[in-house]
Amino acid sequence: MTTAVGIAILAQNTTGPEFGKASPVGLVIIALLLVGTALLVRSMNGHMKKLPSSFEPSDPTPDQAADEGTDRGGIGPDPRG
């Protein structure tokens, strides 16, 4: 029953005197969104340029030494001894 009401509302003739006219406020909102998006892209590009080309350490020895004493995924000591 509700779908029939929805279809009847959509099927109404909407070609009144205001049909197809856009508000200038909509244009201002779209322009502001485009400017904001451009500023965000520009800022992101600036941050991306500051990143190193690779995150691989030049000397992995300190990381390997720290890994020697880390937890192995929650696996405890062997209870059998």
Protein backbone atom coordinates (compact mmCIF):
# COMPACT_ATOMS: atom_id res chain seq x y z
CA MET A 1 0.00 0.00 0.00
CA THR A 2 2.81 2.43 0.86
CA THR A 3 4.66 1.75 -2.39
CA ALA A 4 1.53 2.64 -4.35
CA VAL A 5 1.36 5.96 -2.51
CA GLY A 6 5.04 6.61 -3.21
CA ILE A 7 4.61 5.85 -6.89
CA ALA A 8 1.56 8.12 -7.06
CA ILE A 9 3.55 10.97 -5.51
CA LEU A 10 6.43 10.46 -7.93
CA ALA A 11 4.07 10.26 -10.90
CA GLN A 12 2.50 13.67 -10.21
CA ASN A 13 3.00 16.42 -12.74
CA THR A 14 5.85 18.57 -11.38
CA THR A 15 6.07 21.10 -14.20
CA GLY A 16 4.77 24.06 -12.23
CA PRO A 17 6.07 27.63 -12.43
CA GLU A 18 9.08 26.82 -10.19
CA PHE A 19 10.12 23.61 -11.99
CA GLY A 20 13.74 23.61 -13.14
CA LYS A 21 14.80 26.77 -11.34
CA ALA A 22 17.84 26.49 -9.13
CA SER A 23 18.56 28.64 -6.14
CA PRO A 24 21.72 30.79 -6.19
CA VAL A 25 22.47 29.41 -2.73
CA GLY A 26 23.05 26.00 -4.31
CA LEU A 27 25.67 27.46 -6.63
CA VAL A 28 27.43 29.11 -3.68
CA ILE A 29 27.43 25.83 -1.76
CA ILE A 30 28.88 23.92 -4.73
CA ALA A 31 31.55 26.59 -5.22
CA LEU A 32 32.51 26.43 -1.53
CA LEU A 33 32.74 22.64 -1.68
CA LEU A 34 34.99 22.83 -4.75
CA VAL A 35 37.26 25.40 -3.09
CA GLY A 36 37.45 23.30 0.09
CA THR A 37 38.28 20.18 -1.91
CA ALA A 38 41.02 22.02 -3.82
CA LEU A 39 42.54 23.26 -0.55
CA LEU A 40 42.46 19.78 0.97
CA VAL A 41 44.16 18.27 -2.09
CA ARG A 42 46.81 20.98 -2.02
CA SER A 43 47.46 20.37 1.68
CA MET A 44 47.63 16.61 1.18
CA ASN A 45 50.17 17.02 -1.63
CA GLY A 46 52.33 19.13 0.66
CA HIS A 47 52.25 16.46 3.34
CA MET A 48 52.98 13.70 0.82
CA LYS A 49 56.10 15.54 -0.38
CA LYS A 50 57.47 15.55 3.18
CA LEU A 51 57.31 11.75 3.45
CA PRO A 52 60.47 9.71 2.86
CA SER A 53 60.71 7.71 -0.35
CA SER A 54 61.05 4.49 1.67
CA PHE A 55 60.29 3.52 5.24
CA GLU A 56 62.95 0.80 5.28
CA PRO A 57 65.60 1.47 7.94
CA SER A 58 69.17 1.84 6.70
CA ASP A 59 70.45 -0.32 9.57
CA PRO A 60 67.93 -2.92 10.82
CA THR A 61 70.19 -4.14 13.66
CA PRO A 62 68.52 -2.05 16.45
CA ASP A 63 65.08 -3.29 15.37
CA GLN A 64 66.24 -6.90 15.37
CA ALA A 65 67.70 -6.50 18.86
CA ALA A 66 64.37 -5.12 20.11
CA ASP A 67 62.49 -8.00 18.48
CA GLU A 68 64.46 -10.57 20.47
CA GLY A 69 62.50 -9.88 23.66
CA THR A 70 59.03 -9.18 22.29
CA ASP A 71 55.90 -11.19 22.88
CA ARG A 72 55.38 -13.91 20.30
CA GLY A 73 51.69 -13.29 19.62
CA GLY A 74 50.44 -14.15 23.08
CA ILE A 75 51.94 -17.63 23.14
CA GLY A 76 53.18 -18.28 26.65
CA PRO A 77 55.95 -20.56 27.80
CA ASP A 78 55.57 -24.27 27.23
CA PRO A 79 53.70 -25.66 30.30
CA ARG A 80 55.35 -29.05 29.86
CA GLY A 81 58.69 -27.59 30.76
